[in-house]
Amino acid sequence: MLEGLIRVFHLTKDYPVRYVDRFGVEKWVPNQEGYSVTGIRRQNFSKYNINNFGYNSYREFKPTSDKFEIALVGDSFVEGFHQHYYNSTGKKIENLLHGIEVYEFGYAGYDFADQLHLIHQYQSTFDLIDHVFIGLKFENDLNRGEYNIVPDRIKLESPMYRSLRKIKLLVYLQNIGAFSAARELTRSILSFGQDDPDAAAIETESIESKSQRYFGYIKNFESLINMYGYNKKHYTLLLSKEKTPTIFLKYLDRHGYTYLDFSETLNQSVRPTTLIYDMHWNDHGRDLIAELISQYLQSEFNDNLLK
């Protein structure tokens, strides 16, 4: 009966199937649709649509030399499962700049290595796109200097996990945290008498140690650029200056990397720009991001090109 109620009232999310394509790019299996649900009382309920390319979008990606197209490449913020696919950030940009097409290459968990690998493997497609915005979170996206498939994500597509996801009651209980206490108890028993090394390291990290970590991230950035290349005129990094250390911003400026900061735009808003249960942009936040990108395009490109 509980299983039936959860299915009838759609109280839990649908899980699209992921895979690694023949180019070694991890993404969603094409041509899927379903609903993303968050919270016990469906705090967020939105429909997703995976297109032929394997990304959540209301349109197919068919760039040509005759049209003006831009690409948004990033993680879950670009993927947009928290918003109806037909009201995404890309669609909002298209509403502001009529006549252009926006392709959203978003996938939860993508870091800088994933993103550059994607662009490199589909270079012929990206060469036809007029401008590419690449999302970058300094602390999260530069932890590795080379690309490889993330086993933990692909493990979710094993026969066992797929079978468990078909039990909606089980998925619902997991999503509302019904198993959290048991997991924490097990973790506490197994780690009894031991300090959490990661937590302790973060709390006591010295300025020197933090600088070394930052230099390591910059080294990973350089390694990926050297491996895949980077068209500075064709690409713009989309980042938050508020959450990016000055040392990296100076590095970008010194080496001629263009970036678009969205932190000031969001901070100036009187209304909330993120969801109440996590830090993903809400509808208003996406409006502001769309406006910011639109203004940037209008300032960088000939207005006639955008009509």
Protein backbone atom coordinates (compact mmCIF):
# COMPACT_ATOMS: atom_id res chain seq x y z
CA MET A 1 0.00 0.00 0.00
CA LEU A 2 2.83 2.41 0.86
CA GLU A 3 4.58 1.56 -2.40
CA GLY A 4 1.37 2.35 -4.26
CA LEU A 5 0.84 5.68 -2.46
CA ILE A 6 4.39 6.80 -3.21
CA ARG A 7 3.97 5.94 -6.88
CA VAL A 8 0.50 7.50 -7.27
CA PHE A 9 1.47 10.81 -5.62
CA HIS A 10 5.01 10.72 -7.05
CA LEU A 11 6.64 11.32 -3.68
CA THR A 12 10.12 10.29 -4.75
CA LYS A 13 12.46 10.95 -7.63
CA ASP A 14 13.04 9.01 -10.82
CA TYR A 15 16.61 8.04 -11.55
CA PRO A 16 17.78 8.42 -15.14
CA VAL A 17 20.27 5.78 -16.29
CA ARG A 18 23.87 6.89 -16.78
CA TYR A 19 26.54 5.37 -19.00
CA VAL A 20 29.96 5.97 -20.55
CA ASP A 21 29.74 6.53 -24.29
CA ARG A 22 32.18 5.32 -26.94
CA PHE A 23 34.33 8.44 -26.45
CA GLY A 24 34.77 7.75 -22.75
CA VAL A 25 32.38 10.54 -21.72
CA GLU A 26 30.09 9.83 -18.78
CA LYS A 27 26.56 11.15 -19.25
CA TRP A 28 22.89 10.11 -19.22
CA VAL A 29 21.48 7.51 -21.57
CA PRO A 30 19.68 9.50 -24.31
CA ASN A 31 15.91 9.90 -24.60
CA GLN A 32 14.82 9.51 -20.98
CA GLU A 33 12.34 11.57 -19.03
CA GLY A 34 11.08 11.63 -15.47
CA TYR A 35 10.67 13.76 -12.36
CA SER A 36 13.16 15.02 -9.82
CA VAL A 37 11.68 15.19 -6.32
CA THR A 38 13.25 16.64 -3.20
CA GLY A 39 11.98 16.59 0.38
CA ILE A 40 9.33 14.68 2.34
CA ARG A 41 6.52 16.91 1.04
CA ARG A 42 7.81 17.33 -2.49
CA GLN A 43 9.57 20.59 -1.67
CA ASN A 44 10.79 20.58 -5.23
CA PHE A 45 9.09 18.78 -8.11
CA SER A 46 10.46 19.24 -11.62
CA LYS A 47 10.50 17.33 -14.87
CA TYR A 48 13.70 16.40 -16.69
CA ASN A 49 14.20 15.42 -20.31
CA ILE A 50 17.39 13.79 -21.54
CA ASN A 51 17.99 14.64 -25.19
CA ASN A 52 19.74 12.67 -27.93
CA PHE A 53 23.14 13.92 -26.77
CA GLY A 54 22.64 12.66 -23.21
CA TYR A 55 21.94 15.91 -21.33
CA ASN A 56 18.90 17.47 -19.69
CA SER A 57 17.50 19.95 -22.21
CA TYR A 58 14.35 21.00 -24.01
CA ARG A 59 16.23 21.13 -27.33
CA GLU A 60 18.58 18.94 -29.32
CA PHE A 61 22.16 20.07 -29.90
CA LYS A 62 22.56 20.80 -33.60
CA PRO A 63 25.09 23.61 -34.02
CA THR A 64 25.72 25.06 -37.47
CA SER A 65 27.84 27.87 -38.87
CA ASP A 66 24.66 29.78 -39.78
CA LYS A 67 23.28 30.26 -36.25
CA PHE A 68 24.61 31.84 -33.08
CA GLU A 69 24.91 29.21 -30.34
CA ILE A 70 26.43 29.14 -26.90
CA ALA A 71 27.16 26.20 -24.61
CA LEU A 72 26.95 26.00 -20.83
CA VAL A 73 29.23 23.23 -19.55
CA GLY A 74 29.11 22.33 -15.89
CA ASP A 75 27.82 20.22 -13.02
CA SER A 76 24.38 19.96 -11.39
CA PHE A 77 23.93 23.76 -11.52
CA VAL A 78 23.91 23.55 -15.31
CA GLU A 79 22.19 20.18 -15.39
CA GLY A 80 19.20 21.82 -13.75
CA PHE A 81 17.25 18.90 -12.30
CA HIS A 82 15.86 21.35 -9.72
CA GLN A 83 13.98 23.21 -12.45
CA HIS A 84 11.56 22.08 -15.17
CA TYR A 85 13.73 21.38 -18.20
CA TYR A 86 11.66 23.78 -20.31
CA ASN A 87 12.39 26.64 -17.88
CA SER A 88 16.14 26.14 -17.50
CA THR A 89 18.87 28.76 -17.38
CA GLY A 90 19.54 28.14 -21.06
CA LYS A 91 15.90 28.70 -21.97
CA LYS A 92 15.88 31.91 -19.95
CA ILE A 93 18.89 33.16 -21.92
CA GLU A 94 17.12 32.34 -25.17
CA ASN A 95 14.09 34.32 -24.01
CA LEU A 96 16.32 37.35 -23.41
CA LEU A 97 18.32 37.03 -26.63
CA HIS A 98 15.92 35.92 -29.33
CA GLY A 99 17.38 33.95 -32.20
CA ILE A 100 20.24 32.23 -30.36
CA GLU A 101 20.38 28.63 -29.17
CA VAL A 102 21.77 27.56 -25.81
CA TYR A 103 23.12 24.04 -25.30
CA GLU A 104 23.37 22.88 -21.68
CA PHE A 105 26.02 20.20 -21.15
CA GLY A 106 25.32 19.71 -17.45
CA TYR A 107 25.94 16.57 -15.42
CA ALA A 108 25.97 16.25 -11.63
CA GLY A 109 29.49 15.66 -10.37
CA TYR A 110 31.35 16.98 -13.39
CA ASP A 111 34.65 18.65 -12.50
CA PHE A 112 37.11 20.53 -14.72
CA ALA A 113 38.64 17.28 -15.98
CA ASP A 114 35.22 15.92 -17.00
CA GLN A 115 34.36 19.15 -18.75
CA LEU A 116 37.56 19.53 -20.77
CA HIS A 117 37.46 15.84 -21.67
CA LEU A 118 33.90 16.26 -22.97
CA ILE A 119 34.85 19.30 -25.06
CA HIS A 120 37.94 17.56 -26.43
CA GLN A 121 36.09 14.37 -27.38
CA TYR A 122 33.35 16.35 -29.15
CA GLN A 123 35.63 19.06 -30.50
CA SER A 124 33.94 19.14 -33.91
CA THR A 125 30.64 19.96 -32.19
CA PHE A 126 32.12 22.64 -29.92
CA ASP A 127 34.00 24.23 -32.82
CA LEU A 128 30.63 25.10 -34.38
CA ILE A 129 29.36 26.69 -31.15
CA ASP A 130 30.12 30.41 -31.03
CA HIS A 131 30.97 30.66 -27.33
CA VAL A 132 31.38 28.24 -24.43
CA PHE A 133 30.90 28.98 -20.73
CA ILE A 134 32.63 26.50 -18.41
CA GLY A 135 31.55 26.35 -14.77
CA LEU A 136 34.41 26.21 -12.28
CA LYS A 137 34.41 25.84 -8.49
CA PHE A 138 38.00 26.14 -7.35
CA GLU A 139 37.70 24.00 -4.21
CA ASN A 140 35.75 21.18 -5.87
CA ASP A 141 36.74 20.99 -9.52
CA LEU A 142 40.55 20.89 -9.51
CA ASN A 143 41.28 17.90 -7.32
CA ARG A 144 42.82 15.92 -10.20
CA GLY A 145 45.13 16.72 -13.07
CA GLU A 146 43.96 14.07 -15.50
CA TYR A 147 40.68 12.53 -16.57
CA ASN A 148 39.45 9.08 -15.63
CA ILE A 149 36.03 7.55 -15.17
CA VAL A 150 34.71 7.88 -11.60
CA PRO A 151 33.98 4.29 -10.43
CA ASP A 152 31.62 5.33 -7.61
CA ARG A 153 29.19 6.96 -10.05
CA ILE A 154 29.23 4.11 -12.55
CA LYS A 155 28.77 1.63 -9.71
CA LEU A 156 25.26 3.06 -9.29
CA GLU A 157 24.32 1.41 -12.60
CA SER A 158 25.14 -2.10 -11.40
CA PRO A 159 22.26 -4.64 -11.60
CA MET A 160 21.88 -4.58 -7.80
CA TYR A 161 21.50 -0.79 -7.56
CA ARG A 162 19.14 -0.68 -10.52
CA SER A 163 16.94 -3.33 -8.90
CA LEU A 164 16.86 -1.48 -5.57
CA ARG A 165 15.88 1.78 -7.28
CA LYS A 166 12.76 0.10 -8.64
CA ILE A 167 11.44 -0.17 -5.08
CA LYS A 168 10.05 3.35 -4.66
CA LEU A 169 9.40 2.90 -0.93
CA LEU A 170 13.07 2.13 -0.41
CA VAL A 171 14.11 5.17 -2.45
CA TYR A 172 11.68 7.36 -0.50
CA LEU A 173 13.00 6.19 2.87
CA GLN A 174 16.57 6.79 1.76
CA ASN A 175 15.79 10.29 0.49
CA ILE A 176 14.11 11.38 3.75
CA GLY A 177 17.09 10.12 5.77
CA ALA A 178 15.47 7.08 7.35
CA PHE A 179 18.73 5.13 7.12
CA SER A 180 21.03 7.96 8.19
CA ALA A 181 20.96 7.08 11.89
CA ALA A 182 21.90 3.47 11.20
CA ARG A 183 24.75 4.51 8.91
CA GLU A 184 26.07 7.00 11.45
CA LEU A 185 25.90 4.40 14.22
CA THR A 186 27.81 1.90 12.11
CA ARG A 187 30.42 4.52 11.21
CA SER A 188 30.78 5.54 14.86
CA ILE A 189 31.27 1.94 15.99
CA LEU A 190 33.87 1.25 13.31
CA SER A 191 35.77 4.47 14.04
CA PHE A 192 35.46 4.34 17.85
CA GLY A 193 38.47 5.93 19.49
CA GLN A 194 39.77 7.41 16.24
CA ASP A 195 39.75 11.03 15.16
CA ASP A 196 38.40 12.04 11.79
CA PRO A 197 41.65 12.89 9.95
CA ASP A 198 39.95 14.93 7.24
CA ALA A 199 37.97 17.07 9.68
CA ALA A 200 40.97 17.57 11.92
CA ALA A 201 43.16 18.53 8.96
CA ILE A 202 40.69 21.14 7.74
CA GLU A 203 40.29 22.72 11.19
CA THR A 204 44.03 22.95 11.83
CA GLU A 205 45.19 23.69 8.29
CA SER A 206 47.90 26.32 8.37
CA ILE A 207 48.27 29.16 5.91
CA GLU A 208 51.32 27.45 4.44
CA SER A 209 49.44 24.17 4.03
CA LYS A 210 46.48 25.95 2.41
CA SER A 211 48.83 27.70 0.00
CA GLN A 212 50.39 24.37 -0.97
CA ARG A 213 46.93 22.92 -1.56
CA TYR A 214 45.98 25.89 -3.73
CA PHE A 215 49.20 25.55 -5.74
CA GLY A 216 48.31 21.89 -6.21
CA TYR A 217 44.93 22.87 -7.64
CA ILE A 218 46.58 25.36 -9.99
CA LYS A 219 49.04 22.67 -11.08
CA ASN A 220 46.09 20.39 -11.87
CA PHE A 221 44.49 23.22 -13.84
CA GLU A 222 47.67 23.64 -15.87
CA SER A 223 47.98 19.89 -16.41
CA LEU A 224 44.47 19.66 -17.86
CA ILE A 225 45.00 22.71 -20.05
CA ASN A 226 48.23 21.24 -21.41
CA MET A 227 46.54 17.93 -22.06
CA TYR A 228 43.37 19.17 -23.78
CA GLY A 229 44.20 22.71 -24.85
CA TYR A 230 42.07 25.76 -24.16
CA ASN A 231 40.79 28.39 -26.58
CA LYS A 232 40.94 31.61 -24.54
CA LYS A 233 38.92 33.57 -27.09
CA HIS A 234 36.26 30.89 -27.39
CA TYR A 235 35.83 29.92 -23.71
CA THR A 236 34.81 31.86 -20.62
CA LEU A 237 34.98 30.48 -17.08
CA LEU A 238 31.81 30.94 -15.04
CA LEU A 239 32.75 31.29 -11.38
CA SER A 240 32.10 32.97 -8.06
CA LYS A 241 34.91 35.37 -7.10
CA GLU A 242 33.59 35.25 -3.56
CA LYS A 243 34.50 31.55 -3.34
CA THR A 244 37.66 31.68 -5.45
CA PRO A 245 40.99 32.50 -3.74
CA THR A 246 42.79 35.63 -4.88
CA ILE A 247 45.86 33.64 -5.87
CA PHE A 248 43.89 31.80 -8.56
CA LEU A 249 42.10 34.93 -9.79
CA LYS A 250 45.49 36.64 -10.21
CA TYR A 251 46.75 33.57 -12.04
CA LEU A 252 43.81 33.73 -14.46
CA ASP A 253 44.34 37.47 -15.03
CA ARG A 254 48.08 37.05 -15.54
CA HIS A 255 47.63 34.30 -18.13
CA GLY A 256 44.77 35.88 -20.02
CA TYR A 257 41.90 33.59 -19.01
CA THR A 258 38.51 35.29 -19.26
CA TYR A 259 36.00 34.66 -16.47
CA LEU A 260 32.53 35.86 -15.58
CA ASP A 261 31.81 36.38 -11.88
CA PHE A 262 28.25 35.77 -10.72
CA SER A 263 28.73 36.23 -6.96
CA GLU A 264 28.17 40.01 -6.96
CA THR A 265 24.98 39.66 -9.01
CA LEU A 266 23.52 37.07 -6.61
CA ASN A 267 24.64 38.94 -3.47
CA GLN A 268 22.93 42.14 -4.57
CA SER A 269 19.57 40.41 -4.81
CA VAL A 270 17.07 41.22 -2.07
CA ARG A 271 15.21 37.98 -2.73
CA PRO A 272 16.75 34.54 -2.05
CA THR A 273 18.66 33.13 -5.01
CA THR A 274 19.06 29.54 -3.81
CA LEU A 275 16.72 26.76 -2.77
CA ILE A 276 15.79 26.52 0.89
CA TYR A 277 17.25 23.03 1.32
CA ASP A 278 20.53 23.35 -0.60
CA MET A 279 22.66 25.89 -2.44
CA HIS A 280 21.44 25.24 -5.99
CA TRP A 281 20.00 28.29 -7.72
CA ASN A 282 16.25 28.71 -7.47
CA ASP A 283 14.14 30.19 -10.26
CA HIS A 284 15.07 33.75 -9.33
CA GLY A 285 18.74 32.84 -9.10
CA ARG A 286 18.58 31.33 -12.58
CA ASP A 287 16.91 34.49 -13.85
CA LEU A 288 19.84 36.53 -12.57
CA ILE A 289 22.43 34.16 -14.04
CA ALA A 290 20.63 34.25 -17.39
CA GLU A 291 20.56 38.06 -17.33
CA LEU A 292 24.26 38.22 -16.45
CA ILE A 293 25.27 35.90 -19.29
CA SER A 294 23.00 37.73 -21.72
CA GLN A 295 24.53 41.10 -20.83
CA TYR A 296 28.01 39.63 -21.20
CA LEU A 297 27.21 38.28 -24.66
CA GLN A 298 25.74 41.60 -25.76
CA SER A 299 28.87 43.42 -24.60
CA GLU A 300 31.29 40.96 -26.20
CA PHE A 301 29.56 40.31 -29.53
CA ASN A 302 28.02 42.42 -32.22
CA ASP A 303 24.35 43.05 -31.44
CA ASN A 304 23.45 42.20 -35.02
CA LEU A 305 24.82 38.72 -34.47
CA LEU A 306 22.45 38.16 -31.57
CA LYS A 307 19.27 39.25 -33.32
